[in-house]
Amino acid sequence: MKNRNKDIIQLISIFIIIILINIIGSMVYHRFDLTKEGRYSLSKASKKLLSEIDDYIYIEVYLEGDFPAGIERLSLETKQILSEFKTQNDFIQFTFINPTESKDDKTRNEILKQLYEKGLNPTNLQVKNGDSYSEKIIIPGAIVKFGANEIAVQLLKNQIASSPDQNLEQSIRELEYEFTNAIKQLRSSLKPSIAFLKGHGELDGIDIKDLRNSLTEQYSVDEIDLREFEVDSLGKPNLKKKLRDLKLKKLLLIAKPKSTFENLDKYFIDQYIMNGGKVIWMIDATNADMDSLSNKGSFIASTLRDLNLGDQLFKYGVRINSNLVEDISSSKIPVPISFVNDIPQWELLPWRYFPVSIPTLNHPITNNLNAVKFDFVSSIDTIKTNTKINKTILLHTSPYSRLVNTPYEISLQKALEQPAQNDFNIQQAAIAVLLEGTFESLFKNRINKLSNELPFIKSSKPNRMIVISDGDIAQNQISRGAALPLGYDNYEKRQYGNKDFILNAIDYLLEEDALIAVRTRELKMRLLDSQKINLERNFWQIINLIIPIALVIIFGIFKQYARKKKYSNEK
């Protein structure tokens, strides 16, 4: 009876403890993320943005239905992220919808058409049914709504150069950024205005189509020609209005100019910087182009006709040298190595004039960034200035590179030659530099009539700019008249990090550091080794089959032995 009462008291105590734990748990909510990189926790930037939301945001996700394992995983990860969003703020409401559930073809096609017009691209999946395959259309995206506005979010990445597994991992890694960025855009009344400079032979049209399309998702993108003017009442160019129009742009992209900058052009850019404008300079110092190899096997790379920007960049703290970088760490191009029946036999060989820079700096712009590809790039020197300018080398060549002065002959034959490693010993030449600080005007202490006609500021407040010694970094390749993704190499079928680098650079210059942190957040995908699985499958199947049974048998024998010993002692 005494033991019985003791057992009842223990049972009641356990029930009371369980009830108390549940009561405390309902009052104090906390989730534990035990992953090393915190993959199930939101970043500080996302939490801050969500804490500021004071009205309902509705998210419709079109990932409901019977999917293959990969898409099902994307759907589950999306639910996980949105659940975290809702945990931070109840104004976040989301639902999962199957857009193809209707059995009526006309209704289903109409829904797909409406979603396509909103910006969501359908994807055809090959679904295996026994020994046969069937096609299934899915919409791997979402619509984020805030008030009368909405934004389409494409959840499944489709990089041409990546495998389906790589695309899936990339998609999962960027889920938080995609939704955070969409919410930020919806809550912002106006997109920041940025512009591409025109009038000096800069990249234009289809050459920068992919970059421009990517930028329009977050910014208002325009073009500005410093040589086109409205006239005033006296018929003279209205210089003041042109400067005012330029100042309205938060950032200026100068991509591969080819003709000389006049004094007036430089004055506009200089005063734009003095007034707080941000600039990304993407400048070629040499005249070298792959088109020169199309008809013959070699050409002479020469110094590009003077752009007249050297003194201006020097004043701000850098100098782009009139040389070329050769780097053993490089991308490849097709080279004819032999002829069979007068037909050239092509092979992809390293092209040392196309360096591949692997980011090593722990900086918001380059953190977790893929390798960046350059075409005929020059080295950059940093210069001591009158004002304090912090110079950060964002990208550099590999330790196995060298510099050659122009004029210099470039030939396909060099791709066939084995490089002598002793000749490639330049220690990481700078090719992209971030400048931060107070910039002094190029026109300070100069006698210049422009300063009498236009407003003039001698020095800027703390400001930022980036100088890159290659204009081609912003140029996408073209295939069959269509623009390929920026950074995609059509020869190697490989995606480089050019676009992410430029997008990160723009966000950083415009002080969108929080967005960069979310975009570059690293989530380690611990994938199983498929080759190892195939080799060790039978071994682990046997282990998993035998060990549980063996443990049960051992436990039974031990239990039987203990029981036998206990009752034998009582006798």
Protein backbone atom coordinates (compact mmCIF):
# COMPACT_ATOMS: atom_id res chain seq x y z
CA MET A 1 0.00 0.00 0.00
CA LYS A 2 2.87 2.33 0.83
CA ASN A 3 4.52 1.75 -2.60
CA ARG A 4 1.15 2.20 -4.28
CA ASN A 5 0.60 5.63 -2.69
CA LYS A 6 4.12 6.61 -3.63
CA ASP A 7 3.50 5.68 -7.30
CA ILE A 8 0.25 7.65 -7.36
CA ILE A 9 2.00 10.73 -5.94
CA GLN A 10 4.75 10.43 -8.55
CA LEU A 11 2.20 10.12 -11.36
CA ILE A 12 0.24 13.17 -10.16
CA SER A 13 3.50 15.15 -9.83
CA ILE A 14 4.45 14.30 -13.41
CA PHE A 15 1.03 15.48 -14.67
CA ILE A 16 1.34 18.75 -12.70
CA ILE A 17 4.84 19.38 -14.09
CA ILE A 18 3.65 18.73 -17.66
CA ILE A 19 0.69 21.13 -17.21
CA LEU A 20 2.98 23.82 -15.74
CA ILE A 21 5.45 23.45 -18.62
CA ASN A 22 2.63 23.88 -21.15
CA ILE A 23 1.28 26.95 -19.34
CA ILE A 24 4.74 28.55 -19.23
CA GLY A 25 5.36 27.57 -22.87
CA SER A 26 2.16 29.30 -23.99
CA MET A 27 3.23 32.48 -22.23
CA VAL A 28 6.92 32.49 -23.21
CA TYR A 29 7.58 31.69 -26.88
CA HIS A 30 11.04 30.85 -28.17
CA ARG A 31 12.39 28.80 -31.05
CA PHE A 32 15.79 27.13 -30.97
CA ASP A 33 17.91 26.96 -34.12
CA LEU A 34 20.64 24.36 -33.61
CA THR A 35 22.19 24.66 -37.09
CA LYS A 36 25.73 26.07 -37.20
CA GLU A 37 24.94 28.86 -39.70
CA GLY A 38 21.49 29.62 -38.25
CA ARG A 39 19.68 28.61 -41.41
CA TYR A 40 16.28 28.55 -39.67
CA SER A 41 16.71 31.99 -38.14
CA LEU A 42 16.05 35.30 -39.85
CA SER A 43 18.80 37.88 -40.24
CA LYS A 44 18.77 41.08 -38.20
CA ALA A 45 17.95 43.07 -41.33
CA SER A 46 14.81 41.01 -42.01
CA LYS A 47 13.70 41.20 -38.38
CA LYS A 48 14.12 44.97 -38.38
CA LEU A 49 12.11 45.35 -41.59
CA LEU A 50 9.33 43.07 -40.33
CA SER A 51 9.12 44.90 -37.00
CA GLU A 52 8.30 48.12 -38.87
CA ILE A 53 5.29 46.67 -40.72
CA ASP A 54 2.01 48.09 -39.39
CA ASP A 55 -0.45 46.88 -42.04
CA TYR A 56 -1.30 43.56 -43.61
CA ILE A 57 0.95 42.06 -46.28
CA TYR A 58 -0.54 39.13 -48.16
CA ILE A 59 1.65 36.52 -49.84
CA GLU A 60 0.24 33.98 -52.29
CA VAL A 61 2.65 31.11 -52.99
CA TYR A 62 1.94 28.86 -55.97
CA LEU A 63 3.76 25.79 -54.69
CA GLU A 64 0.88 23.62 -53.60
CA GLY A 65 0.34 20.21 -55.15
CA ASP A 66 2.02 16.90 -55.87
CA PHE A 67 5.63 17.70 -56.77
CA PRO A 68 8.91 15.83 -57.25
CA ALA A 69 11.20 15.73 -54.21
CA GLY A 70 13.24 18.82 -55.19
CA ILE A 71 10.23 21.12 -55.69
CA GLU A 72 8.57 19.68 -52.60
CA ARG A 73 11.67 20.65 -50.64
CA LEU A 74 11.51 24.19 -52.04
CA SER A 75 7.86 24.36 -50.99
CA LEU A 76 8.68 23.22 -47.44
CA GLU A 77 11.58 25.67 -47.14
CA THR A 78 9.29 28.48 -48.36
CA LYS A 79 6.72 27.59 -45.70
CA GLN A 80 9.48 27.59 -43.10
CA ILE A 81 10.69 31.07 -44.07
CA LEU A 82 7.20 32.56 -44.21
CA SER A 83 6.35 30.97 -40.87
CA GLU A 84 9.37 32.75 -39.41
CA PHE A 85 8.14 35.99 -41.02
CA LYS A 86 4.71 35.53 -39.44
CA THR A 87 6.29 34.72 -36.08
CA GLN A 88 8.00 38.11 -36.18
CA ASN A 89 4.85 39.99 -37.20
CA ASP A 90 1.22 38.83 -37.40
CA PHE A 91 0.59 41.32 -40.21
CA ILE A 92 2.30 38.82 -42.52
CA GLN A 93 -0.37 36.54 -43.99
CA PHE A 94 0.44 33.80 -46.46
CA THR A 95 -1.35 31.02 -48.27
CA PHE A 96 -0.28 28.25 -50.63
CA ILE A 97 -2.29 27.82 -53.83
CA ASN A 98 -2.35 25.17 -56.53
CA PRO A 99 -2.87 27.15 -59.77
CA THR A 100 -3.38 23.99 -61.86
CA GLU A 101 -5.92 22.19 -59.66
CA SER A 102 -8.85 23.07 -61.93
CA LYS A 103 -9.87 20.18 -64.19
CA ASP A 104 -11.13 22.62 -66.80
CA ASP A 105 -8.33 23.29 -69.31
CA LYS A 106 -9.69 26.72 -70.23
CA THR A 107 -9.84 27.89 -66.61
CA ARG A 108 -6.40 26.45 -65.85
CA ASN A 109 -4.81 28.12 -68.89
CA GLU A 110 -6.44 31.44 -68.02
CA ILE A 111 -4.99 31.31 -64.50
CA LEU A 112 -1.53 30.49 -65.86
CA LYS A 113 -1.82 33.36 -68.35
CA GLN A 114 -2.75 35.83 -65.61
CA LEU A 115 0.19 34.76 -63.45
CA TYR A 116 2.54 35.01 -66.44
CA GLU A 117 1.35 38.56 -67.13
CA LYS A 118 2.07 39.42 -63.49
CA GLY A 119 5.68 38.28 -63.96
CA LEU A 120 5.71 34.61 -62.91
CA ASN A 121 7.22 32.24 -65.45
CA PRO A 122 5.86 28.68 -65.66
CA THR A 123 8.26 25.73 -65.57
CA ASN A 124 7.83 22.36 -67.26
CA LEU A 125 8.76 19.39 -65.08
CA GLN A 126 9.51 15.89 -66.27
CA VAL A 127 7.62 13.62 -63.83
CA LYS A 128 8.43 9.91 -63.80
CA ASN A 129 5.43 7.55 -63.64
CA GLY A 130 6.79 4.02 -63.49
CA ASP A 131 8.74 3.50 -66.69
CA SER A 132 7.26 6.52 -68.46
CA TYR A 133 7.58 10.28 -68.12
CA SER A 134 4.95 13.00 -68.25
CA GLU A 135 5.15 16.78 -68.32
CA LYS A 136 3.74 18.92 -65.55
CA ILE A 137 3.50 22.72 -65.54
CA ILE A 138 4.22 24.49 -62.25
CA ILE A 139 4.48 28.13 -61.22
CA PRO A 140 7.42 28.25 -58.77
CA GLY A 141 6.71 31.77 -57.57
CA ALA A 142 4.70 34.02 -55.31
CA ILE A 143 2.77 37.29 -55.42
CA VAL A 144 3.41 39.68 -52.52
CA LYS A 145 0.60 42.23 -52.00
CA PHE A 146 0.57 45.41 -49.94
CA GLY A 147 -2.42 47.70 -50.34
CA ALA A 148 -3.11 48.21 -54.05
CA ASN A 149 0.43 47.21 -55.07
CA GLU A 150 1.89 43.79 -55.70
CA ILE A 151 5.23 42.27 -56.75
CA ALA A 152 5.94 38.93 -58.40
CA VAL A 153 8.70 36.84 -56.81
CA GLN A 154 10.29 34.04 -58.83
CA LEU A 155 11.31 31.41 -56.26
CA LEU A 156 13.04 28.85 -58.48
CA LYS A 157 16.28 30.08 -60.03
CA ASN A 158 17.11 28.93 -63.52
CA GLN A 159 20.74 29.77 -64.18
CA ILE A 160 21.74 28.36 -67.54
CA ALA A 161 25.16 27.29 -66.29
CA SER A 162 23.93 25.47 -63.19
CA SER A 163 22.61 21.96 -62.68
CA PRO A 164 19.07 21.44 -61.34
CA ASP A 165 20.46 20.64 -57.87
CA GLN A 166 22.60 23.80 -57.88
CA ASN A 167 19.62 25.89 -58.98
CA LEU A 168 17.53 24.40 -56.19
CA GLU A 169 20.16 25.12 -53.53
CA GLN A 170 20.59 28.67 -54.83
CA SER A 171 16.81 29.16 -54.74
CA ILE A 172 16.56 28.00 -51.14
CA ARG A 173 19.49 30.18 -50.10
CA GLU A 174 17.88 33.30 -51.56
CA LEU A 175 14.32 32.78 -50.25
CA GLU A 176 14.74 35.19 -47.34
CA TYR A 177 16.30 37.85 -49.58
CA GLU A 178 13.58 37.54 -52.24
CA PHE A 179 10.72 38.05 -49.78
CA THR A 180 12.55 40.70 -47.74
CA ASN A 181 13.40 42.66 -50.87
CA ALA A 182 9.82 42.41 -52.19
CA ILE A 183 8.37 43.69 -48.92
CA LYS A 184 10.92 46.52 -48.83
CA GLN A 185 10.04 47.59 -52.37
CA LEU A 186 6.30 47.54 -51.64
CA ARG A 187 6.74 49.68 -48.53
CA SER A 188 8.96 52.21 -50.31
CA SER A 189 6.94 54.91 -51.99
CA LEU A 190 9.69 55.64 -54.56
CA LYS A 191 12.51 53.55 -55.98
CA PRO A 192 15.96 55.16 -55.83
CA SER A 193 16.86 56.66 -59.20
CA ILE A 194 20.11 55.56 -60.85
CA ALA A 195 21.42 56.20 -64.37
CA PHE A 196 23.80 54.90 -67.02
CA LEU A 197 26.01 57.60 -68.50
CA LYS A 198 25.73 58.14 -72.27
CA GLY A 199 27.49 60.25 -74.88
CA HIS A 200 31.01 58.77 -74.82
CA GLY A 201 30.45 55.43 -76.55
CA GLU A 202 29.44 53.64 -73.34
CA LEU A 203 27.81 50.21 -73.30
CA ASP A 204 24.19 50.43 -74.33
CA GLY A 205 21.19 48.46 -75.53
CA ILE A 206 21.46 44.68 -75.62
CA ASP A 207 25.04 44.75 -74.23
CA ILE A 208 23.74 45.73 -70.78
CA LYS A 209 20.21 44.35 -71.11
CA ASP A 210 20.50 41.73 -68.37
CA LEU A 211 22.08 44.12 -65.86
CA ARG A 212 19.48 46.76 -66.60
CA ASN A 213 16.61 44.29 -66.23
CA SER A 214 17.98 43.15 -62.87
CA LEU A 215 18.38 46.72 -61.64
CA THR A 216 14.81 47.72 -62.57
CA GLU A 217 13.49 45.30 -59.94
CA GLN A 218 14.86 47.54 -57.19
CA TYR A 219 15.73 50.88 -58.78
CA SER A 220 14.37 53.39 -61.25
CA VAL A 221 16.91 53.08 -64.10
CA ASP A 222 17.48 55.91 -66.58
CA GLU A 223 20.11 57.16 -69.00
CA ILE A 224 21.70 60.59 -68.97
CA ASP A 225 23.74 62.25 -71.71
CA LEU A 226 25.89 65.11 -70.42
CA ARG A 227 26.18 66.49 -73.96
CA GLU A 228 22.47 66.96 -74.61
CA PHE A 229 20.98 70.20 -73.28
CA GLU A 230 17.74 72.06 -73.18
CA VAL A 231 18.14 75.70 -74.19
CA ASP A 232 17.19 78.65 -72.01
CA SER A 233 15.25 81.75 -73.02
CA LEU A 234 18.37 83.19 -74.69
CA GLY A 235 18.92 80.05 -76.76
CA LYS A 236 21.95 78.98 -74.74
CA PRO A 237 22.47 75.48 -73.28
CA ASN A 238 20.85 75.31 -69.86
CA LEU A 239 23.85 74.00 -67.91
CA LYS A 240 22.26 74.52 -64.51
CA LYS A 241 19.28 72.35 -65.39
CA LYS A 242 21.57 69.56 -66.63
CA LEU A 243 23.47 69.62 -63.35
CA ARG A 244 20.18 69.59 -61.39
CA ASP A 245 18.96 66.60 -63.42
CA LEU A 246 22.20 64.77 -62.70
CA LYS A 247 21.98 65.49 -58.97
CA LEU A 248 18.57 63.79 -58.86
CA LYS A 249 20.27 60.46 -59.61
CA LYS A 250 21.45 58.57 -56.55
CA LEU A 251 24.10 56.70 -58.50
CA LEU A 252 25.86 56.98 -61.87
CA LEU A 253 27.16 53.98 -63.81
CA ILE A 254 29.98 54.76 -66.27
CA ALA A 255 30.39 51.58 -68.31
CA LYS A 256 33.21 51.32 -70.87
CA PRO A 257 33.40 54.82 -72.39
CA LYS A 258 35.43 55.09 -75.59
CA SER A 259 35.62 58.81 -76.41
CA THR A 260 37.20 61.79 -74.65
CA PHE A 261 35.50 63.48 -71.70
CA GLU A 262 35.42 67.23 -72.18
CA ASN A 263 36.02 69.65 -69.33
CA LEU A 264 32.28 70.27 -68.99
CA ASP A 265 31.57 66.52 -68.69
CA LYS A 266 34.18 66.17 -65.97
CA TYR A 267 32.84 69.24 -64.15
CA PHE A 268 29.33 67.77 -64.08
CA ILE A 269 30.58 64.44 -62.70
CA ASP A 270 32.91 66.15 -60.23
CA GLN A 271 30.20 68.38 -58.78
CA TYR A 272 27.78 65.45 -58.76
CA ILE A 273 30.26 63.62 -56.49
CA MET A 274 30.83 66.73 -54.36
CA ASN A 275 27.05 66.86 -53.80
CA GLY A 276 26.98 63.26 -52.54
CA GLY A 277 26.37 61.36 -55.79
CA LYS A 278 27.77 57.83 -56.01
CA VAL A 279 29.71 56.61 -59.06
CA ILE A 280 30.84 53.21 -60.33
CA TRP A 281 33.64 53.72 -62.85
CA MET A 282 34.08 50.76 -65.22
CA ILE A 283 36.94 51.98 -67.40
CA ASP A 284 39.11 50.30 -70.03
CA ALA A 285 42.67 51.63 -70.24
CA THR A 286 43.68 49.62 -73.30
CA ASN A 287 42.25 49.05 -76.74
CA ALA A 288 41.87 45.26 -76.80
CA ASP A 289 38.89 43.35 -78.08
CA MET A 290 38.22 39.73 -79.03
CA ASP A 291 36.62 40.89 -82.29
CA SER A 292 40.14 41.75 -83.45
CA LEU A 293 40.93 38.01 -83.47
CA SER A 294 37.96 37.03 -85.63
CA ASN A 295 39.74 37.47 -88.99
CA LYS A 296 43.34 36.85 -87.97
CA GLY A 297 45.16 35.12 -85.19
CA SER A 298 46.72 38.17 -83.55
CA PHE A 299 46.41 41.90 -82.98
CA ILE A 300 48.27 44.70 -81.23
CA ALA A 301 46.74 45.87 -77.95
CA SER A 302 47.40 49.57 -77.55
CA THR A 303 46.67 52.31 -75.05
CA LEU A 304 43.09 53.46 -75.45
CA ARG A 305 42.67 56.92 -76.88
CA ASP A 306 42.92 59.34 -73.97
CA LEU A 307 39.60 59.49 -72.13
CA ASN A 308 40.90 62.53 -70.25
CA LEU A 309 39.84 60.97 -66.94
CA GLY A 310 43.29 60.21 -65.55
CA ASP A 311 43.66 63.46 -63.59
CA GLN A 312 40.16 63.16 -62.16
CA LEU A 313 40.60 59.60 -60.89
CA PHE A 314 44.09 60.54 -59.64
CA LYS A 315 42.52 63.35 -57.61
CA TYR A 316 40.08 60.90 -56.05
CA GLY A 317 42.86 58.44 -55.12
CA VAL A 318 43.49 55.90 -57.92
CA ARG A 319 45.29 55.46 -61.23
CA ILE A 320 44.34 52.94 -63.91
CA ASN A 321 47.54 51.84 -65.62
CA SER A 322 47.93 51.42 -69.39
CA ASN A 323 48.87 47.78 -69.17
CA LEU A 324 47.29 44.36 -69.45
CA VAL A 325 47.01 41.62 -66.87
CA GLU A 326 47.95 38.07 -67.76
CA ASP A 327 46.77 35.57 -65.16
CA ILE A 328 47.15 31.80 -64.95
CA SER A 329 43.81 31.83 -63.09
CA SER A 330 41.65 32.57 -66.13
CA SER A 331 38.60 31.52 -68.12
CA LYS A 332 38.82 29.57 -71.38
CA ILE A 333 38.16 30.26 -75.04
CA PRO A 334 37.92 27.91 -78.05
CA VAL A 335 41.20 27.67 -79.95
CA PRO A 336 41.83 25.68 -83.17
CA ILE A 337 44.52 23.14 -82.27
CA SER A 338 44.55 21.13 -85.50
CA PHE A 339 42.84 20.63 -88.86
CA VAL A 340 41.17 17.49 -90.20
CA ASN A 341 40.25 17.69 -93.88
CA ASP A 342 40.63 21.47 -93.66
CA ILE A 343 38.11 21.55 -90.80
CA PRO A 344 39.48 23.18 -87.61
CA GLN A 345 39.38 21.09 -84.45
CA TRP A 346 38.57 23.37 -81.50
CA GLU A 347 39.50 22.96 -77.87
CA LEU A 348 38.81 25.12 -74.83
CA LEU A 349 42.11 26.47 -73.52
CA PRO A 350 42.94 28.97 -70.76
CA TRP A 351 43.04 32.55 -72.07
CA ARG A 352 45.32 34.46 -69.73
CA TYR A 353 43.88 37.84 -70.75
CA PHE A 354 40.52 36.90 -69.18
CA PRO A 355 41.47 36.75 -65.47
CA VAL A 356 39.10 35.14 -62.99
CA SER A 357 39.21 36.92 -59.64
CA ILE A 358 38.26 34.83 -56.62
CA PRO A 359 37.04 37.17 -53.83
CA THR A 360 38.95 36.69 -50.60
CA LEU A 361 38.01 39.88 -48.71
CA ASN A 362 35.47 39.62 -45.92
CA HIS A 363 33.47 42.66 -47.05
CA PRO A 364 29.70 43.13 -47.57
CA ILE A 365 30.23 43.49 -51.33
CA THR A 366 32.35 40.37 -51.83
CA ASN A 367 31.27 38.10 -48.98
CA ASN A 368 30.18 34.67 -50.34
CA LEU A 369 30.56 36.00 -53.89
CA ASN A 370 31.28 33.69 -56.80
CA ALA A 371 34.42 34.22 -58.91
CA VAL A 372 34.27 37.32 -61.15
CA LYS A 373 35.41 37.22 -64.77
CA PHE A 374 37.32 40.09 -66.44
CA ASP A 375 38.20 40.73 -70.10
CA PHE A 376 41.48 42.50 -70.92
CA VAL A 377 41.76 44.17 -67.52
CA SER A 378 44.46 46.60 -66.32
CA SER A 379 45.98 47.07 -62.90
CA ILE A 380 45.01 49.86 -60.51
CA ASP A 381 47.37 51.84 -58.26
CA THR A 382 46.14 53.67 -55.18
CA ILE A 383 47.33 57.27 -54.70
CA LYS A 384 47.84 59.36 -51.59
CA THR A 385 45.45 62.34 -51.57
CA ASN A 386 45.14 65.62 -49.69
CA THR A 387 42.07 64.33 -47.88
CA LYS A 388 41.73 61.03 -46.06
CA ILE A 389 40.40 58.40 -48.45
CA ASN A 390 40.07 54.79 -47.31
CA LYS A 391 41.00 52.51 -50.21
CA THR A 392 39.73 48.91 -50.12
CA ILE A 393 40.83 46.46 -52.79
CA LEU A 394 37.65 44.50 -53.50
CA LEU A 395 39.00 42.30 -56.30
CA HIS A 396 42.52 41.41 -57.35
CA THR A 397 44.36 39.00 -59.61
CA SER A 398 45.76 35.70 -58.42
CA PRO A 399 49.35 35.47 -57.09
CA TYR A 400 50.25 33.88 -60.45
CA SER A 401 49.82 36.86 -62.74
CA ARG A 402 51.96 39.39 -64.55
CA LEU A 403 51.61 42.82 -66.14
CA VAL A 404 52.57 43.60 -69.73
CA ASN A 405 52.86 47.14 -71.06
CA THR A 406 51.13 48.25 -74.23
CA PRO A 407 51.56 48.22 -77.17
CA TYR A 408 51.63 44.43 -76.92
CA GLU A 409 50.88 41.64 -79.38
CA ILE A 410 48.06 39.30 -78.41
CA SER A 411 47.76 36.07 -80.37
CA LEU A 412 45.88 32.80 -80.17
CA GLN A 413 49.24 31.07 -80.29
CA LYS A 414 49.87 32.26 -76.72
CA ALA A 415 46.94 30.11 -75.56
CA LEU A 416 48.80 27.05 -76.84
CA GLU A 417 52.01 27.94 -75.00
CA GLN A 418 52.62 26.53 -71.55
CA PRO A 419 53.17 29.52 -69.22
CA ALA A 420 56.43 29.68 -67.29
CA GLN A 421 55.26 30.05 -63.72
CA ASN A 422 58.38 32.02 -62.75
CA ASP A 423 57.25 34.82 -65.07
CA PHE A 424 53.89 35.10 -63.32
CA ASN A 425 54.84 36.49 -59.95
CA ILE A 426 52.89 39.72 -59.45
CA GLN A 427 51.32 39.53 -56.01
CA GLN A 428 47.62 40.15 -56.57
CA ALA A 429 47.32 43.32 -58.66
CA ALA A 430 44.25 45.42 -57.76
CA ILE A 431 41.49 45.50 -60.40
CA ALA A 432 38.50 46.83 -58.40
CA VAL A 433 38.89 49.41 -55.62
CA LEU A 434 36.40 50.94 -53.20
CA LEU A 435 37.09 54.58 -52.23
CA GLU A 436 35.48 56.01 -49.09
CA GLY A 437 36.02 59.39 -47.50
CA THR A 438 35.96 63.11 -48.25
CA PHE A 439 36.78 63.80 -51.90
CA GLU A 440 38.39 67.03 -53.05
CA SER A 441 37.12 68.65 -56.25
CA LEU A 442 39.28 68.33 -59.35
CA PHE A 443 38.57 72.00 -60.07
CA LYS A 444 39.61 73.32 -56.66
CA ASN A 445 42.19 76.12 -56.98
CA ARG A 446 41.75 76.17 -60.74
CA ILE A 447 40.84 79.20 -62.77
CA ASN A 448 37.77 77.90 -64.57
CA LYS A 449 34.89 79.86 -66.02
CA LEU A 450 32.54 76.93 -65.33
CA SER A 451 32.70 77.65 -61.60
CA ASN A 452 31.40 81.14 -62.35
CA GLU A 453 28.45 79.85 -64.37
CA LEU A 454 27.55 76.83 -62.24
CA PRO A 455 27.36 76.09 -58.50
CA PHE A 456 30.71 74.92 -57.16
CA ILE A 457 31.63 72.86 -54.08
CA LYS A 458 35.31 72.41 -53.17
CA SER A 459 35.00 69.12 -51.29
CA SER A 460 32.39 66.52 -50.56
CA LYS A 461 30.91 65.22 -47.37
CA PRO A 462 31.86 61.57 -46.62
CA ASN A 463 31.10 59.71 -49.83
CA ARG A 464 31.80 56.46 -51.68
CA MET A 465 32.73 55.35 -55.19
CA ILE A 466 34.10 52.23 -56.88
CA VAL A 467 36.69 52.09 -59.67
CA ILE A 468 36.96 48.95 -61.85
CA SER A 469 39.62 48.71 -64.54
CA ASP A 470 37.45 46.79 -67.01
CA GLY A 471 34.33 48.02 -68.77
CA ASP A 472 33.38 44.53 -69.94
CA ILE A 473 32.47 43.49 -66.39
CA ALA A 474 28.99 44.95 -67.03
CA GLN A 475 28.56 43.50 -70.54
CA ASN A 476 26.51 40.35 -71.05
CA GLN A 477 27.27 37.92 -73.85
CA ILE A 478 24.80 37.58 -76.72
CA SER A 479 23.64 34.33 -78.29
CA ARG A 480 21.38 34.19 -81.35
CA GLY A 481 20.36 37.79 -80.84
CA ALA A 482 19.37 37.31 -77.18
CA ALA A 483 21.14 38.64 -74.11
CA LEU A 484 22.56 35.95 -71.84
CA PRO A 485 22.69 36.41 -68.04
CA LEU A 486 25.46 38.81 -67.04
CA GLY A 487 28.52 36.79 -66.04
CA TYR A 488 27.52 33.71 -68.02
CA ASP A 489 30.34 32.43 -70.21
CA ASN A 490 28.85 30.81 -73.29
CA TYR A 491 32.09 28.97 -74.08
CA GLU A 492 32.54 27.33 -70.70
CA LYS A 493 28.79 27.14 -69.94
CA ARG A 494 29.60 28.59 -66.55
CA GLN A 495 28.04 31.37 -64.49
CA TYR A 496 30.43 33.87 -62.92
CA GLY A 497 29.60 36.37 -60.17
CA ASN A 498 29.75 39.58 -62.25
CA LYS A 499 26.10 40.51 -61.78
CA ASP A 500 26.05 39.82 -58.03
CA PHE A 501 29.22 41.87 -57.64
CA ILE A 502 27.69 44.92 -59.37
CA LEU A 503 24.36 44.57 -57.54
CA ASN A 504 26.16 44.28 -54.19
CA ALA A 505 28.34 47.28 -55.09
CA ILE A 506 25.30 49.43 -55.89
CA ASP A 507 23.51 48.40 -52.70
CA TYR A 508 26.62 49.18 -50.67
CA LEU A 509 27.17 52.60 -52.24
CA LEU A 510 23.53 53.48 -51.62
CA GLU A 511 23.94 52.23 -48.05
CA GLU A 512 21.62 49.26 -48.51
CA ASP A 513 23.99 47.21 -46.38
CA ALA A 514 21.14 45.25 -44.82
CA LEU A 515 20.00 43.89 -48.18
CA ILE A 516 23.55 42.84 -49.03
CA ALA A 517 23.80 40.94 -45.75
CA VAL A 518 20.63 39.01 -46.57
CA ARG A 519 21.64 38.31 -50.19
CA THR A 520 25.15 37.14 -49.33
CA ARG A 521 24.14 35.09 -46.33
CA GLU A 522 25.77 31.67 -46.49
CA LEU A 523 23.68 28.56 -46.00
CA LYS A 524 25.76 25.42 -46.24
CA MET A 525 23.92 22.72 -48.11
CA ARG A 526 25.18 19.45 -46.68
CA LEU A 527 24.41 17.20 -49.60
CA LEU A 528 24.95 13.46 -49.61
CA ASP A 529 27.80 12.13 -51.70
CA SER A 530 25.98 10.22 -54.46
CA GLN A 531 29.13 8.29 -55.44
CA LYS A 532 29.75 7.22 -51.86
CA ILE A 533 26.09 6.22 -51.52
CA ASN A 534 26.35 3.90 -54.49
CA LEU A 535 29.56 2.32 -53.19
CA GLU A 536 28.42 1.82 -49.59
CA ARG A 537 24.67 1.32 -50.04
CA ASN A 538 24.64 -2.42 -49.29
CA PHE A 539 26.93 -2.07 -46.27
CA TRP A 540 24.73 0.52 -44.55
CA GLN A 541 21.53 -1.33 -45.45
CA ILE A 542 22.89 -4.42 -43.71
CA ILE A 543 24.04 -2.35 -40.72
CA ASN A 544 20.63 -0.69 -40.39
CA LEU A 545 18.88 -4.04 -40.66
CA ILE A 546 21.04 -6.11 -38.32
CA ILE A 547 22.01 -3.65 -35.54
CA PRO A 548 18.46 -2.81 -34.35
CA ILE A 549 17.58 -6.53 -34.23
CA ALA A 550 20.86 -7.33 -32.46
CA LEU A 551 20.23 -4.59 -29.88
CA VAL A 552 16.73 -5.94 -29.15
CA ILE A 553 18.11 -9.48 -28.72
CA ILE A 554 20.94 -8.28 -26.45
CA PHE A 555 18.51 -6.21 -24.39
CA GLY A 556 16.17 -9.22 -24.07
CA ILE A 557 19.00 -11.50 -22.95
CA PHE A 558 20.22 -8.91 -20.42
CA LYS A 559 16.68 -8.37 -19.14
CA GLN A 560 16.09 -12.08 -18.79
CA TYR A 561 19.42 -12.54 -16.99
CA ALA A 562 18.69 -9.67 -14.60
CA ARG A 563 15.23 -11.01 -13.84
CA LYS A 564 16.51 -14.52 -13.28
CA LYS A 565 19.23 -13.26 -10.95
CA LYS A 566 16.76 -11.10 -8.99
CA TYR A 567 14.27 -13.90 -8.29
CA SER A 568 16.98 -16.48 -7.59
CA ASN A 569 18.33 -14.19 -4.82
CA GLU A 570 14.86 -13.89 -3.25
CA LYS A 571 14.70 -17.65 -2.81
